[in-house]
Amino acid sequence: MSNPYGFGPSALGYAVRAKLADYGVSARLLGRLVLLGGTALRRARLVVDQVHFLGNHSLAIITVSGLFVGFVLGLQGYYTLQRYGSAEALGLLVALSLVRELGPVVTALLFAGRAGTSLTAEIGLMKAGEQLAAMEMMAVDPVARVLAPRFWGGVIAMPLLAAVFSAVGILGGWLVGVVLIGVDAGAFWSQMQAGVDVFKDVGNGIVKSIVFGFTVSFVALLQGYACQPTPEGVSRATTRTVVMASLAVLGLDFILTAMMFSI
């Protein structure tokens, strides 16, 4: 007797097979984007244009967000450290919080909301307008010509934005702690210089930002490339980009932190 609701072993098998097929398409696209890295970087102008589009257009929100995060860190850090008589360590607290965690993570979340959605919408609209299909008809590989420069542009832009976020955040912490509250400026900077390790702290933050840029750029391009070629499909793909990229960043942050600081 047939199941009127469509549930059963056959429906489950079809769903599993469809999901595995999606994973296979994603893995193939990721492999092609990685292998096309040399080709994309040889077309330096295309990658530079994407770095400018993704990075420069995201600079305003990154700068303003970093400044206010630094304000909050300076204020909350001072009142917390003051309880233990360690207000002079405010610079160290602000710097470590930003270069280790908040800089890469918050920048990646903002990057996903600003640049990731832009990539998804752009690729989705190109697919809906059959521009990608037209390129294939002209024997032009859309992955190599359109997707790869955007992917590597995002990978390059993300660490630069994270560095700007951390630098502006440290400046914000200095403004609140030293200028507004009155923490000794020499102690603020000397504690930071003595306590922040270039390789262990700054280096790990750079690695995180590169991984996050890799992840967010790939998720954005995948959602745009695989979306339904309709206005509704593009809008859903844009929403999925923000959700999936944000969850991936937070999950990878935990994994990378556990790996880096347990060694």
Protein backbone atom coordinates (compact mmCIF):
# COMPACT_ATOMS: atom_id res chain seq x y z
CA MET A 1 0.00 0.00 0.00
CA SER A 2 1.49 3.36 -1.03
CA ASN A 3 2.17 6.04 1.54
CA PRO A 4 0.01 9.11 0.75
CA TYR A 5 2.36 11.41 2.68
CA GLY A 6 5.47 10.48 0.73
CA PHE A 7 7.38 9.19 3.76
CA GLY A 8 9.24 5.90 3.69
CA PRO A 9 12.51 4.25 2.74
CA SER A 10 12.33 5.41 -0.86
CA ALA A 11 11.74 9.04 0.12
CA LEU A 12 14.54 8.85 2.68
CA GLY A 13 16.90 7.32 0.14
CA TYR A 14 16.04 10.00 -2.40
CA ALA A 15 16.70 12.75 0.16
CA VAL A 16 20.04 11.24 1.18
CA ARG A 17 21.08 10.81 -2.45
CA ALA A 18 20.13 14.40 -3.26
CA LYS A 19 22.07 15.70 -0.27
CA LEU A 20 25.15 13.66 -1.23
CA ALA A 21 24.88 15.02 -4.76
CA ASP A 22 24.83 18.56 -3.37
CA TYR A 23 27.94 17.82 -1.30
CA GLY A 24 29.62 16.43 -4.40
CA VAL A 25 28.83 19.55 -6.43
CA SER A 26 30.14 21.73 -3.60
CA ALA A 27 33.36 19.72 -3.30
CA ARG A 28 33.95 19.85 -7.06
CA LEU A 29 33.41 23.61 -7.13
CA LEU A 30 35.76 24.10 -4.18
CA GLY A 31 38.42 21.97 -5.84
CA ARG A 32 38.15 23.94 -9.07
CA LEU A 33 38.38 27.28 -7.27
CA VAL A 34 41.49 26.16 -5.42
CA LEU A 35 43.12 24.73 -8.54
CA LEU A 36 42.31 27.90 -10.49
CA GLY A 37 44.16 30.02 -7.93
CA GLY A 38 47.26 30.34 -10.11
CA THR A 39 45.19 31.25 -13.18
CA ALA A 40 43.19 33.82 -11.22
CA LEU A 41 46.27 35.44 -9.69
CA ARG A 42 47.88 35.69 -13.12
CA ARG A 43 44.90 37.82 -14.09
CA ALA A 44 45.93 40.30 -11.44
CA ARG A 45 43.62 43.06 -12.63
CA LEU A 46 40.51 40.96 -12.08
CA VAL A 47 41.57 39.98 -8.56
CA VAL A 48 42.58 43.55 -7.67
CA ASP A 49 39.17 44.80 -8.82
CA GLN A 50 37.47 42.28 -6.56
CA VAL A 51 39.71 43.16 -3.61
CA HIS A 52 38.70 46.78 -4.12
CA PHE A 53 35.02 45.90 -4.51
CA LEU A 54 34.87 43.58 -1.52
CA GLY A 55 37.40 45.27 0.74
CA ASN A 56 37.14 48.98 0.06
CA HIS A 57 33.35 48.97 0.02
CA SER A 58 33.32 47.12 3.36
CA LEU A 59 35.87 49.45 4.95
CA ALA A 60 33.37 51.91 6.40
CA ILE A 61 31.35 49.37 8.37
CA ILE A 62 34.53 47.58 9.48
CA THR A 63 36.11 50.81 10.73
CA VAL A 64 33.05 52.08 12.58
CA SER A 65 32.36 48.67 14.12
CA GLY A 66 35.98 48.24 15.20
CA LEU A 67 36.00 51.67 16.83
CA PHE A 68 32.89 51.00 18.89
CA VAL A 69 34.04 47.50 19.84
CA GLY A 70 37.26 49.10 21.07
CA PHE A 71 35.22 51.63 23.07
CA VAL A 72 33.26 48.86 24.75
CA LEU A 73 36.36 46.76 25.45
CA GLY A 74 38.13 49.73 26.97
CA LEU A 75 35.20 50.61 29.21
CA GLN A 76 34.27 47.11 30.33
CA GLY A 77 37.89 46.01 30.62
CA TYR A 78 38.79 48.95 32.84
CA TYR A 79 35.96 48.35 35.31
CA THR A 80 36.77 44.63 35.42
CA LEU A 81 40.53 45.06 35.89
CA GLN A 82 40.06 47.85 38.43
CA ARG A 83 38.56 45.36 40.87
CA TYR A 84 41.87 43.51 41.00
CA GLY A 85 44.13 46.55 40.87
CA SER A 86 45.30 45.78 37.34
CA ALA A 87 43.96 48.72 35.37
CA GLU A 88 47.41 49.20 33.78
CA ALA A 89 46.89 45.92 31.90
CA LEU A 90 43.98 47.42 29.95
CA GLY A 91 46.05 47.71 26.77
CA LEU A 92 47.00 44.04 26.95
CA LEU A 93 43.37 43.01 27.46
CA VAL A 94 42.13 45.08 24.54
CA ALA A 95 44.89 43.94 22.19
CA LEU A 96 44.60 40.23 22.97
CA SER A 97 40.81 40.30 22.73
CA LEU A 98 40.97 41.90 19.31
CA VAL A 99 43.88 40.15 17.61
CA ARG A 100 42.97 36.69 18.91
CA GLU A 101 39.18 36.60 18.66
CA LEU A 102 37.08 39.68 18.06
CA GLY A 103 39.06 41.04 15.13
CA PRO A 104 38.84 37.96 12.88
CA VAL A 105 35.40 36.79 14.06
CA VAL A 106 33.48 40.07 14.00
CA THR A 107 35.13 41.07 10.73
CA ALA A 108 34.11 37.74 9.17
CA LEU A 109 30.51 38.17 10.32
CA LEU A 110 30.38 41.70 8.93
CA PHE A 111 32.12 40.52 5.76
CA ALA A 112 29.48 37.82 5.31
CA GLY A 113 26.67 40.33 5.74
CA ARG A 114 28.16 42.98 3.47
CA ALA A 115 30.41 41.35 0.87
CA GLY A 116 29.05 37.78 0.99
CA THR A 117 25.49 38.80 0.19
CA SER A 118 26.78 41.04 -2.59
CA LEU A 119 28.66 38.13 -4.16
CA THR A 120 25.66 35.81 -3.92
CA ALA A 121 23.26 38.35 -5.41
CA GLU A 122 25.69 39.22 -8.22
CA ILE A 123 26.30 35.61 -9.25
CA GLY A 124 22.63 34.73 -8.78
CA LEU A 125 21.50 37.58 -11.03
CA MET A 126 24.07 36.61 -13.63
CA LYS A 127 22.65 33.10 -13.57
CA ALA A 128 19.07 34.33 -13.73
CA GLY A 129 19.96 36.55 -16.68
CA GLU A 130 21.61 33.55 -18.41
CA GLN A 131 24.94 35.38 -18.58
CA LEU A 132 26.79 32.35 -17.22
CA ALA A 133 25.09 30.09 -19.75
CA ALA A 134 26.03 32.53 -22.53
CA MET A 135 29.67 32.40 -21.43
CA GLU A 136 29.60 28.61 -21.61
CA MET A 137 28.14 28.82 -25.12
CA MET A 138 31.11 31.01 -26.11
CA ALA A 139 33.55 28.42 -24.66
CA VAL A 140 34.41 30.68 -21.71
CA ASP A 141 34.58 28.92 -18.35
CA PRO A 142 32.44 30.99 -15.93
CA VAL A 143 34.14 29.43 -12.91
CA ALA A 144 37.57 30.57 -14.11
CA ARG A 145 36.44 33.95 -15.45
CA VAL A 146 33.82 35.01 -12.90
CA LEU A 147 33.97 32.93 -9.72
CA ALA A 148 37.71 32.39 -9.19
CA PRO A 149 38.72 36.10 -9.16
CA ARG A 150 35.92 36.85 -6.70
CA PHE A 151 36.89 33.92 -4.51
CA TRP A 152 40.55 34.86 -4.26
CA GLY A 153 39.67 38.53 -3.93
CA GLY A 154 37.63 37.67 -0.84
CA VAL A 155 40.43 35.51 0.58
CA ILE A 156 42.88 38.41 0.21
CA ALA A 157 40.53 41.14 1.41
CA MET A 158 39.44 39.42 4.60
CA PRO A 159 42.82 39.48 6.48
CA LEU A 160 43.32 43.11 5.50
CA LEU A 161 39.91 44.06 6.88
CA ALA A 162 40.57 42.10 10.08
CA ALA A 163 43.85 43.97 10.55
CA VAL A 164 42.07 47.31 10.12
CA PHE A 165 39.37 46.22 12.58
CA SER A 166 41.93 45.26 15.23
CA ALA A 167 44.00 48.42 14.75
CA VAL A 168 40.98 50.71 14.98
CA GLY A 169 39.66 48.73 17.96
CA ILE A 170 42.97 49.21 19.83
CA LEU A 171 42.74 52.92 19.06
CA GLY A 172 39.20 52.96 20.45
CA GLY A 173 40.34 51.20 23.62
CA TRP A 174 43.15 53.78 24.00
CA LEU A 175 40.73 56.68 23.57
CA VAL A 176 38.41 55.38 26.29
CA GLY A 177 41.05 54.04 28.67
CA VAL A 178 43.74 56.71 28.40
CA VAL A 179 42.03 59.86 27.15
CA LEU A 180 38.61 59.48 28.79
CA ILE A 181 39.25 57.49 31.99
CA GLY A 182 42.86 58.42 32.66
CA VAL A 183 44.85 55.18 32.54
CA ASP A 184 48.57 55.82 32.26
CA ALA A 185 49.49 55.90 28.55
CA GLY A 186 52.94 54.39 29.10
CA ALA A 187 51.52 51.45 31.04
CA PHE A 188 48.79 50.97 28.40
CA TRP A 189 51.27 50.59 25.53
CA SER A 190 54.10 48.87 27.43
CA GLN A 191 51.83 46.13 28.80
CA MET A 192 50.50 45.56 25.29
CA GLN A 193 53.96 45.35 23.73
CA ALA A 194 55.24 43.00 26.43
CA GLY A 195 52.23 40.67 26.47
CA VAL A 196 51.25 40.29 22.81
CA ASP A 197 53.30 37.67 20.96
CA VAL A 198 53.67 38.30 17.25
CA PHE A 199 53.59 34.64 16.18
CA LYS A 200 51.27 33.11 18.77
CA ASP A 201 48.69 35.88 19.03
CA VAL A 202 48.89 38.02 15.89
CA GLY A 203 49.86 35.06 13.72
CA ASN A 204 46.96 32.94 14.92
CA GLY A 205 44.60 35.83 14.27
CA ILE A 206 45.90 36.12 10.71
CA VAL A 207 45.42 32.39 10.14
CA LYS A 208 41.87 32.64 11.44
CA SER A 209 41.06 35.58 9.16
CA ILE A 210 42.41 33.73 6.11
CA VAL A 211 40.33 30.64 6.93
CA PHE A 212 37.25 32.78 7.51
CA GLY A 213 37.77 34.64 4.23
CA PHE A 214 38.16 31.31 2.43
CA THR A 215 34.95 29.99 4.01
CA VAL A 216 32.74 33.06 3.59
CA SER A 217 33.80 33.63 -0.02
CA PHE A 218 33.18 30.01 -0.96
CA VAL A 219 29.76 29.86 0.74
CA ALA A 220 28.69 33.09 -0.97
CA LEU A 221 29.78 31.97 -4.43
CA LEU A 222 28.33 28.48 -3.99
CA GLN A 223 24.92 29.82 -2.99
CA GLY A 224 24.85 32.21 -5.93
CA TYR A 225 26.08 29.61 -8.42
CA ALA A 226 23.62 26.92 -7.25
CA CYS A 227 20.55 29.11 -6.66
CA GLN A 228 17.32 28.91 -8.60
CA PRO A 229 17.44 31.42 -11.49
CA THR A 230 14.44 33.39 -10.23
CA PRO A 231 14.12 36.52 -8.04
CA GLU A 232 12.81 34.37 -5.21
CA GLY A 233 15.67 31.91 -5.61
CA VAL A 234 18.26 34.70 -5.50
CA SER A 235 16.70 36.18 -2.35
CA ARG A 236 16.70 32.79 -0.62
CA ALA A 237 20.30 32.17 -1.63
CA THR A 238 21.31 35.56 -0.19
CA THR A 239 19.64 34.69 3.11
CA ARG A 240 21.30 31.27 3.19
CA THR A 241 24.67 32.91 2.63
CA VAL A 242 24.40 35.02 5.78
CA VAL A 243 23.12 32.14 7.92
CA MET A 244 25.49 29.45 6.69
CA ALA A 245 28.57 31.67 6.57
CA SER A 246 27.94 33.03 10.08
CA LEU A 247 27.45 29.56 11.55
CA ALA A 248 30.53 28.27 9.72
CA VAL A 249 32.64 31.14 11.06
CA LEU A 250 31.55 30.57 14.65
CA GLY A 251 32.08 26.81 14.42
CA LEU A 252 35.49 27.16 12.78
CA ASP A 253 36.49 29.74 15.38
CA PHE A 254 35.94 27.21 18.15
CA ILE A 255 37.86 24.50 16.29
CA LEU A 256 40.77 26.77 15.40
CA THR A 257 40.98 28.20 18.92
CA ALA A 258 41.04 24.71 20.42
CA MET A 259 43.79 23.66 18.00
CA MET A 260 45.96 26.77 18.27
CA PHE A 261 45.99 27.32 22.01
CA SER A 262 46.20 23.68 23.03
CA ILE A 263 49.57 23.20 21.35
